[in-house]
Amino acid sequence: MSTCVFIQIRCKPGTTYKVAEEIALREIHSELYSTSGEWDLLLKLYIPKDQDVGHFINERLLDIPNIERSLTTMTFKAF
């Protein structure tokens, strides 16, 4: 079993496509979308059960250059 999280990413102006390309190359995501508004990208990923969520995100995603800020939404089984 894995943990599903959604991560919204704000990029430095003019770098959204570069950031998205780097995320795609790392092949850690389930889905990746460009969005309008306060955030530039929306990423859905599954974190393996044996991995710490914070470490996984920091070590495999947030070290990408030109990411200014992120917002992680955790999910929980409702039913």
N, C-alpha and C. Protein backbone atom coordinates (compact mmCIF):
# COMPACT_ATOMS: atom_id res chain seq x y z
N MET A 1 0.85 -1.19 0.00
CA MET A 1 0.00 0.00 0.00
C MET A 1 0.89 1.24 0.00
N SER A 2 0.40 2.30 -0.60
CA SER A 2 1.15 3.54 -0.68
C SER A 2 0.27 4.71 -0.24
N THR A 3 0.92 5.84 -0.01
CA THR A 3 0.21 7.05 0.39
C THR A 3 0.08 7.97 -0.81
N CYS A 4 -1.14 8.37 -1.11
CA CYS A 4 -1.39 9.29 -2.22
C CYS A 4 -1.32 10.73 -1.69
N VAL A 5 -0.52 11.55 -2.36
CA VAL A 5 -0.45 12.97 -2.00
C VAL A 5 -0.58 13.81 -3.27
N PHE A 6 -1.12 15.00 -3.08
CA PHE A 6 -1.20 15.99 -4.14
C PHE A 6 -0.28 17.13 -3.76
N ILE A 7 0.52 17.58 -4.70
CA ILE A 7 1.46 18.65 -4.42
C ILE A 7 1.25 19.76 -5.43
N GLN A 8 1.01 20.95 -4.94
CA GLN A 8 0.92 22.13 -5.79
C GLN A 8 2.28 22.82 -5.75
N ILE A 9 2.73 23.26 -6.90
CA ILE A 9 4.07 23.83 -7.01
C ILE A 9 4.00 25.21 -7.64
N ARG A 10 4.71 26.15 -7.02
CA ARG A 10 4.89 27.48 -7.61
C ARG A 10 6.33 27.55 -8.11
N CYS A 11 6.49 27.94 -9.37
CA CYS A 11 7.81 28.02 -9.99
C CYS A 11 8.23 29.48 -10.14
N LYS A 12 9.52 29.68 -10.27
CA LYS A 12 10.00 31.01 -10.60
C LYS A 12 9.45 31.38 -11.96
N PRO A 13 9.12 32.65 -12.18
CA PRO A 13 8.53 33.06 -13.45
C PRO A 13 9.35 32.58 -14.66
N GLY A 14 8.64 32.03 -15.63
CA GLY A 14 9.27 31.58 -16.86
C GLY A 14 9.93 30.22 -16.82
N THR A 15 9.78 29.50 -15.71
CA THR A 15 10.48 28.21 -15.59
C THR A 15 9.54 27.01 -15.43
N THR A 16 8.25 27.23 -15.55
CA THR A 16 7.29 26.15 -15.30
C THR A 16 7.55 24.95 -16.19
N TYR A 17 7.80 25.17 -17.47
CA TYR A 17 8.02 24.04 -18.38
C TYR A 17 9.31 23.29 -18.04
N LYS A 18 10.35 24.01 -17.63
CA LYS A 18 11.60 23.35 -17.22
C LYS A 18 11.37 22.48 -15.99
N VAL A 19 10.64 23.01 -15.02
CA VAL A 19 10.34 22.25 -13.80
C VAL A 19 9.51 21.02 -14.13
N ALA A 20 8.49 21.19 -14.97
CA ALA A 20 7.64 20.06 -15.35
C ALA A 20 8.44 18.99 -16.08
N GLU A 21 9.35 19.38 -16.95
CA GLU A 21 10.19 18.42 -17.67
C GLU A 21 11.06 17.63 -16.71
N GLU A 22 11.62 18.31 -15.72
CA GLU A 22 12.48 17.63 -14.74
C GLU A 22 11.66 16.64 -13.91
N ILE A 23 10.46 17.02 -13.52
CA ILE A 23 9.59 16.10 -12.78
C ILE A 23 9.29 14.88 -13.64
N ALA A 24 8.96 15.10 -14.90
CA ALA A 24 8.64 13.98 -15.80
C ALA A 24 9.82 13.04 -15.96
N LEU A 25 11.03 13.58 -16.06
CA LEU A 25 12.23 12.75 -16.20
C LEU A 25 12.49 11.88 -14.98
N ARG A 26 12.09 12.35 -13.83
CA ARG A 26 12.32 11.58 -12.59
C ARG A 26 11.34 10.42 -12.44
N GLU A 27 10.24 10.45 -13.18
CA GLU A 27 9.25 9.37 -13.18
C GLU A 27 8.78 8.99 -11.78
N ILE A 28 8.49 10.00 -10.96
CA ILE A 28 7.99 9.74 -9.60
C ILE A 28 6.50 10.03 -9.48
N HIS A 29 5.91 10.61 -10.50
CA HIS A 29 4.53 11.08 -10.42
C HIS A 29 3.56 10.09 -11.06
N SER A 30 2.32 10.20 -10.63
CA SER A 30 1.23 9.48 -11.26
C SER A 30 0.57 10.37 -12.32
N GLU A 31 0.36 11.63 -11.94
CA GLU A 31 -0.24 12.61 -12.85
C GLU A 31 0.43 13.96 -12.61
N LEU A 32 0.52 14.76 -13.67
CA LEU A 32 1.14 16.08 -13.58
C LEU A 32 0.35 17.02 -14.48
N TYR A 33 -0.09 18.13 -13.92
CA TYR A 33 -0.90 19.09 -14.65
C TYR A 33 -0.34 20.50 -14.51
N SER A 34 -0.49 21.29 -15.56
CA SER A 34 -0.25 22.71 -15.49
C SER A 34 -1.55 23.35 -15.03
N THR A 35 -1.47 24.31 -14.14
CA THR A 35 -2.69 24.93 -13.61
C THR A 35 -2.59 26.45 -13.71
N SER A 36 -3.72 27.11 -13.59
CA SER A 36 -3.74 28.56 -13.59
C SER A 36 -4.00 29.03 -12.16
N GLY A 37 -3.64 30.27 -11.90
CA GLY A 37 -3.89 30.82 -10.57
C GLY A 37 -2.62 30.92 -9.75
N GLU A 38 -2.76 30.74 -8.46
CA GLU A 38 -1.65 30.92 -7.53
C GLU A 38 -0.54 29.89 -7.71
N TRP A 39 -0.89 28.69 -8.16
CA TRP A 39 0.06 27.60 -8.33
C TRP A 39 0.24 27.30 -9.81
N ASP A 40 1.43 26.83 -10.19
CA ASP A 40 1.74 26.56 -11.60
C ASP A 40 1.54 25.10 -12.00
N LEU A 41 1.82 24.19 -11.08
CA LEU A 41 1.73 22.77 -11.38
C LEU A 41 0.98 22.04 -10.27
N LEU A 42 0.29 20.98 -10.66
CA LEU A 42 -0.38 20.09 -9.71
C LEU A 42 0.13 18.69 -9.99
N LEU A 43 0.66 18.07 -8.97
CA LEU A 43 1.31 16.77 -9.09
C LEU A 43 0.62 15.77 -8.17
N LYS A 44 0.31 14.61 -8.70
CA LYS A 44 -0.23 13.52 -7.88
C LYS A 44 0.83 12.44 -7.84
N LEU A 45 1.18 12.00 -6.65
CA LEU A 45 2.15 10.92 -6.56
C LEU A 45 1.81 9.98 -5.43
N TYR A 46 2.31 8.79 -5.55
CA TYR A 46 2.11 7.75 -4.53
C TYR A 46 3.45 7.49 -3.87
N ILE A 47 3.47 7.63 -2.57
CA ILE A 47 4.69 7.42 -1.81
C ILE A 47 4.66 6.02 -1.22
N PRO A 48 5.69 5.22 -1.47
CA PRO A 48 5.70 3.85 -0.94
C PRO A 48 5.52 3.83 0.58
N LYS A 49 4.82 2.82 1.05
CA LYS A 49 4.48 2.73 2.47
C LYS A 49 5.71 2.78 3.38
N ASP A 50 6.81 2.25 2.92
CA ASP A 50 8.02 2.20 3.75
C ASP A 50 8.83 3.49 3.72
N GLN A 51 8.35 4.50 3.00
CA GLN A 51 9.06 5.78 2.88
C GLN A 51 8.40 6.86 3.74
N ASP A 52 9.21 7.73 4.31
CA ASP A 52 8.71 8.88 5.03
C ASP A 52 8.26 9.93 4.01
N VAL A 53 7.05 10.44 4.17
CA VAL A 53 6.48 11.37 3.20
C VAL A 53 7.36 12.61 3.04
N GLY A 54 7.73 13.23 4.13
CA GLY A 54 8.53 14.45 4.07
C GLY A 54 9.87 14.24 3.42
N HIS A 55 10.57 13.18 3.80
CA HIS A 55 11.87 12.90 3.19
C HIS A 55 11.74 12.60 1.71
N PHE A 56 10.74 11.82 1.35
CA PHE A 56 10.54 11.47 -0.05
C PHE A 56 10.34 12.72 -0.90
N ILE A 57 9.46 13.60 -0.46
CA ILE A 57 9.17 14.82 -1.22
C ILE A 57 10.40 15.74 -1.28
N ASN A 58 11.04 15.94 -0.14
CA ASN A 58 12.21 16.82 -0.12
C ASN A 58 13.37 16.30 -0.95
N GLU A 59 13.62 15.00 -0.89
CA GLU A 59 14.78 14.42 -1.55
C GLU A 59 14.55 14.11 -3.03
N ARG A 60 13.31 13.88 -3.43
CA ARG A 60 13.06 13.46 -4.81
C ARG A 60 12.33 14.49 -5.66
N LEU A 61 11.81 15.53 -5.03
CA LEU A 61 11.06 16.53 -5.79
C LEU A 61 11.55 17.95 -5.54
N LEU A 62 11.64 18.34 -4.31
CA LEU A 62 11.87 19.76 -4.00
C LEU A 62 13.32 20.21 -4.18
N ASP A 63 14.19 19.32 -4.62
CA ASP A 63 15.55 19.73 -4.95
C ASP A 63 15.67 20.19 -6.41
N ILE A 64 14.55 20.17 -7.12
CA ILE A 64 14.53 20.63 -8.51
C ILE A 64 14.69 22.15 -8.53
N PRO A 65 15.64 22.65 -9.33
CA PRO A 65 15.83 24.11 -9.41
C PRO A 65 14.57 24.82 -9.88
N ASN A 66 14.39 26.03 -9.41
CA ASN A 66 13.32 26.95 -9.82
C ASN A 66 11.96 26.68 -9.17
N ILE A 67 11.90 25.76 -8.21
CA ILE A 67 10.68 25.62 -7.42
C ILE A 67 10.76 26.64 -6.30
N GLU A 68 9.80 27.54 -6.24
CA GLU A 68 9.78 28.56 -5.19
C GLU A 68 9.08 28.10 -3.94
N ARG A 69 7.98 27.36 -4.13
CA ARG A 69 7.14 26.98 -2.99
C ARG A 69 6.30 25.77 -3.36
N SER A 70 5.89 25.03 -2.36
CA SER A 70 4.99 23.89 -2.62
C SER A 70 3.97 23.78 -1.49
N LEU A 71 2.88 23.13 -1.82
CA LEU A 71 1.82 22.86 -0.85
C LEU A 71 1.42 21.40 -1.02
N THR A 72 1.60 20.61 0.03
CA THR A 72 1.29 19.18 -0.03
C THR A 72 -0.02 18.90 0.68
N THR A 73 -0.89 18.17 -0.01
CA THR A 73 -2.16 17.74 0.58
C THR A 73 -2.11 16.23 0.72
N MET A 74 -2.19 15.77 1.96
CA MET A 74 -2.21 14.33 2.26
C MET A 74 -3.61 13.79 2.04
N THR A 75 -3.72 12.53 1.67
CA THR A 75 -5.02 11.89 1.53
C THR A 75 -5.13 10.74 2.52
N PHE A 76 -6.35 10.44 2.90
CA PHE A 76 -6.62 9.35 3.84
C PHE A 76 -7.81 8.55 3.34
N LYS A 77 -7.80 7.28 3.61
CA LYS A 77 -8.89 6.43 3.19
C LYS A 77 -10.14 6.81 3.98
N ALA A 78 -11.22 7.15 3.25
CA ALA A 78 -12.45 7.61 3.90
C ALA A 78 -13.43 6.47 4.16
N PHE A 79 -13.38 5.44 3.35
CA PHE A 79 -14.34 4.35 3.48
C PHE A 79 -13.65 3.01 3.47
